[in-house]
Amino acid sequence: MRILVATDFSGCADLARALVGEMSLPAASHIRLVHAIEPLTTVGIFAPSAILTISEAADEDARAQVRASVKSLETPDREVDGVVGYGRAADVIIDESCAFRPDLLVVGSRGRGGIATTVLGSVSAELIDRAACPVLVVRDRSLRKIVLAEDGSDSAASGALAITDLQIFSGATVHVVGVVDVPFPTVFADPSGTNTAVAAFRDYESSMALLRKQVSATVEERAKALEAQGLRTTWELREGDAAFQLIKVAAEQHADCIVVGSRGETGLRRLMLGSVARSVLFHAPCSVFVTHSPKDAAARPPTNGDGRFAVSGTIKANPAAR
């Protein structure tokens, strides 16, 4: 198994690294840490001569901390190395992901940023949007109690597949949750005098009964399939806002992680409405594991990984990055 761990040496990043260190991984697994040195644009404008000195200090400090992090994860049956990139954190991590091709990308829930995280969105949210592989955003050192979001989609199916295929979830208990999330339709006044509101209400109730039955069957089927794979599984049906209900269930169950599929919405729709995965990511009390459907993952454009240097035993600097 190949795992890419993003780190900025913050407390949350250390928690993510610790979780990876405690994971039960297949023999010969390969773990790579990646750290980004972000450009000092403000300093460059007002004191360009200071850039070289600051960059050298940041470079040496990053190398030393990556070395220490690599050492903390080393065991006889796994390979561990690290890289440092130069540029925006999300860009560096995605570039390295394209080069390393991990089975899983692991990142802390929040880094050392301040108000920019609230206004612009966190690095972890951007990674979920851009990464081709599953992303685990860590808030807890355990993955024993899992809430699986199930809506019958391909992305939800990929989440269930990850639970059964990835050894990191072995021995976990899984609570499968389906949410009927259909708001009552808005009915405008009808100048013809017919009772449109009553008709709309009756149609809504009849359709909801059918939808509850369909979602319930889907969730139960998923739970039985996971149980057949040897997992201890329970399930339930909820109604309301999907993200809110998933977060509420996770809190009630004292879950370690919510597994949720992302449908890869981008642009204006995501900005205005937000996806369920993003809402869960920002508000869940536990770790969040996000998967994409195979179709969405394959559609993500490749990028390059220039500006890296390897950290494994000795450090080989990339001249292009200096």
Protein backbone atom coordinates (compact mmCIF):
# COMPACT_ATOMS: atom_id res chain seq x y z
CA MET A 1 0.00 0.00 0.00
CA ARG A 2 1.22 3.48 -0.85
CA ILE A 3 0.32 6.35 1.51
CA LEU A 4 1.15 10.02 1.00
CA VAL A 5 1.13 12.05 4.23
CA ALA A 6 0.98 15.84 3.94
CA THR A 7 2.60 17.70 6.82
CA ASP A 8 3.19 21.31 7.85
CA PHE A 9 4.57 20.22 11.25
CA SER A 10 1.49 21.55 13.05
CA GLY A 11 -0.25 19.66 15.85
CA CYS A 12 -2.95 18.40 13.47
CA ALA A 13 -0.32 17.21 11.01
CA ASP A 14 1.49 15.41 13.83
CA LEU A 15 -1.79 13.67 14.74
CA ALA A 16 -2.20 12.52 11.12
CA ARG A 17 1.36 11.20 11.07
CA ALA A 18 0.83 9.39 14.37
CA LEU A 19 -2.31 7.70 13.03
CA VAL A 20 -0.42 6.48 9.96
CA GLY A 21 2.36 5.20 12.20
CA GLU A 22 -0.15 3.09 14.14
CA MET A 23 -1.96 1.72 11.08
CA SER A 24 -1.88 -1.99 10.35
CA LEU A 25 -0.40 -1.97 6.85
CA PRO A 26 0.48 -4.74 4.40
CA ALA A 27 4.12 -5.76 4.27
CA ALA A 28 6.32 -3.68 1.95
CA SER A 29 4.00 -0.67 2.17
CA HIS A 30 5.52 2.65 1.13
CA ILE A 31 4.83 5.84 3.10
CA ARG A 32 5.96 9.22 1.79
CA LEU A 33 5.76 12.51 3.67
CA VAL A 34 5.43 15.75 1.72
CA HIS A 35 5.98 19.27 3.02
CA ALA A 36 5.53 22.53 1.12
CA ILE A 37 7.60 25.68 1.58
CA GLU A 38 5.27 28.45 0.47
CA PRO A 39 6.69 31.51 -1.33
CA LEU A 40 7.31 34.67 0.71
CA THR A 41 5.77 37.10 -1.74
CA THR A 42 5.48 40.04 0.67
CA VAL A 43 9.11 39.82 1.73
CA GLY A 44 10.12 39.53 -1.90
CA ILE A 45 8.46 42.82 -2.76
CA PHE A 46 9.92 44.90 0.06
CA ALA A 47 13.26 43.17 0.68
CA PRO A 48 14.22 40.91 -2.22
CA SER A 49 17.75 40.41 -0.84
CA ALA A 50 16.27 38.79 2.29
CA ILE A 51 14.61 36.03 0.25
CA LEU A 52 17.79 33.98 -0.13
CA THR A 53 18.58 34.03 3.59
CA ILE A 54 15.01 33.21 4.65
CA SER A 55 14.67 30.50 1.99
CA GLU A 56 17.93 28.85 3.08
CA ALA A 57 16.79 28.82 6.72
CA ALA A 58 13.34 27.46 5.84
CA ASP A 59 14.91 24.87 3.57
CA GLU A 60 17.28 23.56 6.24
CA ASP A 61 14.56 23.57 8.90
CA ALA A 62 12.14 21.70 6.63
CA ARG A 63 14.78 19.08 5.77
CA ALA A 64 15.53 18.47 9.44
CA GLN A 65 11.87 18.15 10.42
CA VAL A 66 11.08 15.86 7.50
CA ARG A 67 14.04 13.66 8.44
CA ALA A 68 12.71 13.39 12.00
CA SER A 69 9.18 12.61 10.77
CA VAL A 70 10.48 9.93 8.39
CA LYS A 71 12.46 8.32 11.20
CA SER A 72 9.40 8.24 13.46
CA LEU A 73 7.49 6.15 10.89
CA GLU A 74 10.22 3.69 9.94
CA THR A 75 9.73 -0.01 10.65
CA PRO A 76 11.46 -3.08 9.17
CA ASP A 77 8.50 -4.02 6.96
CA ARG A 78 7.75 -0.63 5.38
CA GLU A 79 9.59 1.93 3.26
CA VAL A 80 9.41 5.54 4.40
CA ASP A 81 10.79 8.63 2.69
CA GLY A 82 9.92 12.29 2.30
CA VAL A 83 9.94 15.18 -0.12
CA VAL A 84 9.86 18.95 0.18
CA GLY A 85 8.29 21.11 -2.51
CA TYR A 86 8.21 24.83 -3.17
CA GLY A 87 4.90 26.60 -3.84
CA ARG A 88 1.29 26.59 -2.65
CA ALA A 89 0.72 23.70 -0.26
CA ALA A 90 -2.19 22.18 -2.17
CA ASP A 91 -0.32 22.42 -5.49
CA VAL A 92 2.79 20.76 -4.06
CA ILE A 93 0.77 17.95 -2.48
CA ILE A 94 -1.26 17.28 -5.62
CA ASP A 95 1.89 17.32 -7.77
CA GLU A 96 3.51 14.77 -5.46
CA SER A 97 0.34 12.69 -5.48
CA CYS A 98 0.47 12.53 -9.26
CA ALA A 99 4.12 11.48 -9.15
CA PHE A 100 3.82 9.00 -6.26
CA ARG A 101 0.36 7.61 -7.17
CA PRO A 102 -0.72 6.77 -3.61
CA ASP A 103 -3.62 4.55 -2.62
CA LEU A 104 -4.43 7.06 0.12
CA LEU A 105 -3.65 10.71 0.86
CA VAL A 106 -3.58 11.63 4.57
CA VAL A 107 -3.71 15.19 5.90
CA GLY A 108 -4.42 16.95 9.20
CA SER A 109 -7.76 18.69 9.57
CA ARG A 110 -6.26 22.16 9.79
CA GLY A 111 -2.83 23.66 9.43
CA ARG A 112 -1.10 26.74 10.76
CA GLY A 113 -3.16 29.23 8.73
CA GLY A 114 -5.51 31.77 10.28
CA ILE A 115 -8.47 33.63 8.80
CA ALA A 116 -7.57 32.52 5.27
CA THR A 117 -8.76 29.02 6.17
CA THR A 118 -12.23 30.36 6.94
CA VAL A 119 -12.49 32.68 3.97
CA LEU A 120 -10.81 30.69 1.20
CA GLY A 121 -11.25 27.10 2.35
CA SER A 122 -8.67 24.80 3.89
CA VAL A 123 -5.94 22.88 2.11
CA SER A 124 -7.73 19.64 3.02
CA ALA A 125 -10.89 20.80 1.21
CA GLU A 126 -8.88 21.65 -1.90
CA LEU A 127 -7.17 18.27 -1.80
CA ILE A 128 -10.54 16.53 -1.70
CA ASP A 129 -11.59 18.45 -4.80
CA ARG A 130 -8.40 17.72 -6.73
CA ALA A 131 -6.94 14.39 -5.60
CA ALA A 132 -7.58 11.27 -7.67
CA CYS A 133 -7.16 8.95 -4.66
CA PRO A 134 -9.17 8.78 -1.41
CA VAL A 135 -8.34 11.48 1.14
CA LEU A 136 -8.32 10.92 4.91
CA VAL A 137 -8.62 14.14 6.92
CA VAL A 138 -7.52 13.21 10.44
CA ARG A 139 -9.08 14.39 13.71
CA ASP A 140 -8.66 11.18 15.72
CA ARG A 141 -5.96 8.53 16.18
CA SER A 142 -8.40 5.64 15.70
CA LEU A 143 -10.37 4.17 12.79
CA ARG A 144 -12.35 1.59 14.75
CA LYS A 145 -15.88 3.02 14.59
CA ILE A 146 -16.98 4.07 11.11
CA VAL A 147 -20.09 5.87 9.85
CA LEU A 148 -20.61 5.12 6.14
CA ALA A 149 -22.80 7.50 4.12
CA GLU A 150 -24.88 5.52 1.62
CA ASP A 151 -27.04 7.03 -1.12
CA GLY A 152 -26.78 4.37 -3.81
CA SER A 153 -24.31 6.39 -5.90
CA ASP A 154 -21.02 5.21 -7.42
CA SER A 155 -19.09 7.45 -5.03
CA ALA A 156 -20.83 5.86 -2.03
CA ALA A 157 -20.03 2.44 -3.43
CA SER A 158 -16.36 3.43 -3.69
CA GLY A 159 -16.43 4.33 0.01
CA ALA A 160 -17.80 0.89 0.92
CA LEU A 161 -15.19 -0.73 -1.31
CA ALA A 162 -12.41 1.18 0.45
CA ILE A 163 -13.61 -0.08 3.83
CA THR A 164 -13.40 -3.70 2.67
CA ASP A 165 -10.23 -3.37 0.58
CA LEU A 166 -7.97 -1.13 2.70
CA GLN A 167 -6.31 -2.91 5.61
CA ILE A 168 -6.44 0.28 7.69
CA PHE A 169 -10.15 -0.46 8.32
CA SER A 170 -9.70 -4.12 9.29
CA GLY A 171 -11.60 -4.94 12.47
CA ALA A 172 -13.70 -1.77 12.32
CA THR A 173 -17.41 -1.64 13.08
CA VAL A 174 -19.48 0.10 10.41
CA HIS A 175 -22.75 1.98 10.85
CA VAL A 176 -24.35 2.53 7.43
CA VAL A 177 -26.53 5.64 7.23
CA GLY A 178 -28.93 6.67 4.49
CA VAL A 179 -30.56 10.09 4.52
CA VAL A 180 -33.78 11.05 2.76
CA ASP A 181 -32.99 14.66 1.92
CA VAL A 182 -35.92 16.07 -0.07
CA PRO A 183 -37.24 19.49 1.10
CA PHE A 184 -40.91 20.27 0.74
CA PRO A 185 -41.47 22.01 -2.61
CA THR A 186 -42.25 25.71 -2.74
CA VAL A 187 -45.81 26.32 -3.92
CA PHE A 188 -46.80 29.70 -5.35
CA ALA A 189 -50.32 31.14 -5.37
CA ASP A 190 -52.50 29.73 -8.14
CA PRO A 191 -54.74 32.43 -9.74
CA SER A 192 -57.08 29.73 -11.09
CA GLY A 193 -58.38 29.10 -7.57
CA THR A 194 -57.54 25.37 -7.50
CA ASN A 195 -56.02 24.04 -4.31
CA THR A 196 -52.50 23.63 -5.65
CA ALA A 197 -50.89 23.51 -2.18
CA VAL A 198 -53.00 20.54 -1.06
CA ALA A 199 -52.25 18.64 -4.26
CA ALA A 200 -48.54 19.36 -3.92
CA PHE A 201 -48.56 18.15 -0.31
CA ARG A 202 -50.28 14.87 -1.26
CA ASP A 203 -47.85 14.28 -4.12
CA TYR A 204 -44.94 15.02 -1.81
CA GLU A 205 -46.14 12.58 0.87
CA SER A 206 -46.73 9.76 -1.62
CA SER A 207 -43.34 10.24 -3.25
CA MET A 208 -41.61 10.41 0.14
CA ALA A 209 -43.09 7.08 1.18
CA LEU A 210 -41.65 5.46 -1.94
CA LEU A 211 -38.31 7.21 -1.49
CA ARG A 212 -38.04 6.07 2.14
CA LYS A 213 -38.63 2.50 1.02
CA GLN A 214 -36.03 2.72 -1.75
CA VAL A 215 -33.33 4.32 0.40
CA SER A 216 -34.00 1.92 3.25
CA ALA A 217 -33.58 -1.05 0.92
CA THR A 218 -30.32 0.40 -0.45
CA VAL A 219 -28.87 0.99 3.01
CA GLU A 220 -29.88 -2.45 4.28
CA GLU A 221 -28.39 -4.10 1.20
CA ARG A 222 -25.08 -2.28 1.74
CA ALA A 223 -25.00 -3.27 5.40
CA LYS A 224 -25.61 -6.93 4.55
CA ALA A 225 -22.90 -6.85 1.87
CA LEU A 226 -20.36 -5.46 4.36
CA GLU A 227 -21.44 -8.01 6.95
CA ALA A 228 -20.82 -10.76 4.40
CA GLN A 229 -17.25 -9.42 4.15
CA GLY A 230 -16.77 -10.10 7.86
CA LEU A 231 -17.45 -6.58 9.20
CA ARG A 232 -19.67 -5.89 12.18
CA THR A 233 -22.38 -3.73 10.67
CA THR A 234 -25.53 -1.85 11.67
CA TRP A 235 -27.68 0.54 9.67
CA GLU A 236 -30.35 3.22 9.94
CA LEU A 237 -32.41 5.66 7.89
CA ARG A 238 -32.60 9.39 8.65
CA GLU A 239 -34.45 12.35 7.17
CA GLY A 240 -33.33 15.95 6.72
CA ASP A 241 -30.18 17.67 5.54
CA ALA A 242 -27.72 14.91 4.60
CA ALA A 243 -24.55 16.51 5.99
CA PHE A 244 -26.25 17.56 9.24
CA GLN A 245 -27.68 14.08 9.81
CA LEU A 246 -24.36 12.34 9.11
CA ILE A 247 -22.56 14.62 11.55
CA LYS A 248 -25.30 14.08 14.15
CA VAL A 249 -25.07 10.30 13.80
CA ALA A 250 -21.28 10.41 14.12
CA ALA A 251 -21.58 12.39 17.35
CA GLU A 252 -24.23 10.06 18.76
CA GLN A 253 -22.22 6.97 17.83
CA HIS A 254 -18.92 8.46 19.07
CA ALA A 255 -17.55 7.53 15.65
CA ASP A 256 -13.87 7.81 14.80
CA CYS A 257 -14.47 8.51 11.11
CA ILE A 258 -17.17 9.33 8.56
CA VAL A 259 -16.69 7.71 5.15
CA VAL A 260 -18.43 9.75 2.46
CA GLY A 261 -18.35 9.85 -1.32
CA SER A 262 -17.78 13.09 -3.19
CA ARG A 263 -19.43 13.66 -6.54
CA GLY A 264 -16.80 16.13 -7.63
CA GLU A 265 -19.00 19.19 -7.98
CA THR A 266 -17.03 22.28 -8.93
CA GLY A 267 -17.56 25.90 -9.85
CA LEU A 268 -20.64 27.96 -9.01
CA ARG A 269 -22.77 25.06 -7.75
CA ARG A 270 -20.18 24.05 -5.14
CA LEU A 271 -19.58 27.69 -4.14
CA MET A 272 -23.27 28.42 -3.60
CA LEU A 273 -24.61 25.13 -2.27
CA GLY A 274 -21.59 23.16 -1.09
CA SER A 275 -21.33 19.40 -1.42
CA VAL A 276 -22.24 17.00 1.36
CA ALA A 277 -18.60 15.90 1.57
CA ARG A 278 -17.35 19.46 2.09
CA SER A 279 -20.00 20.20 4.72
CA VAL A 280 -19.13 17.02 6.58
CA LEU A 281 -15.42 17.84 6.30
CA PHE A 282 -15.78 21.29 7.86
CA HIS A 283 -18.16 20.35 10.69
CA ALA A 284 -17.64 16.68 11.62
CA PRO A 285 -16.34 15.99 15.14
CA CYS A 286 -14.24 13.09 13.86
CA SER A 287 -11.95 12.17 10.97
CA VAL A 288 -13.42 12.22 7.45
CA PHE A 289 -12.52 9.77 4.68
CA VAL A 290 -13.59 10.99 1.23
CA THR A 291 -13.67 8.86 -1.91
CA HIS A 292 -14.57 9.59 -5.52
CA SER A 293 -16.32 7.39 -8.03
CA PRO A 294 -13.91 5.77 -10.53
CA LYS A 295 -15.34 8.02 -13.25
CA ASP A 296 -14.65 11.20 -11.26
CA ALA A 297 -11.15 10.07 -10.31
CA ALA A 298 -10.24 9.25 -13.91
CA ALA A 299 -11.43 12.67 -15.08
CA ARG A 300 -9.03 14.61 -12.84
CA PRO A 301 -6.24 16.19 -14.94
CA PRO A 302 -2.63 15.15 -14.24
CA THR A 303 -0.08 17.71 -13.07
CA ASN A 304 3.70 17.59 -12.78
CA GLY A 305 5.79 17.35 -9.62
CA ASP A 306 8.76 19.66 -10.27
CA GLY A 307 10.63 21.29 -7.39
CA ARG A 308 10.96 18.28 -5.06
CA PHE A 309 13.93 16.71 -3.32
CA ALA A 310 14.09 13.27 -1.74
CA VAL A 311 14.63 12.65 1.96
CA SER A 312 15.68 9.08 2.73
CA GLY A 313 18.96 8.64 4.51
CA THR A 314 20.77 11.39 2.59
CA ILE A 315 19.15 14.39 0.96
CA LYS A 316 19.46 14.97 -2.75
CA ALA A 317 18.67 18.55 -3.64
CA ASN A 318 16.90 19.33 -6.87
CA PRO A 319 18.96 22.11 -8.53
CA ALA A 320 15.86 23.47 -10.24
CA ALA A 321 14.33 24.17 -6.85
CA ARG A 322 17.23 26.24 -5.53
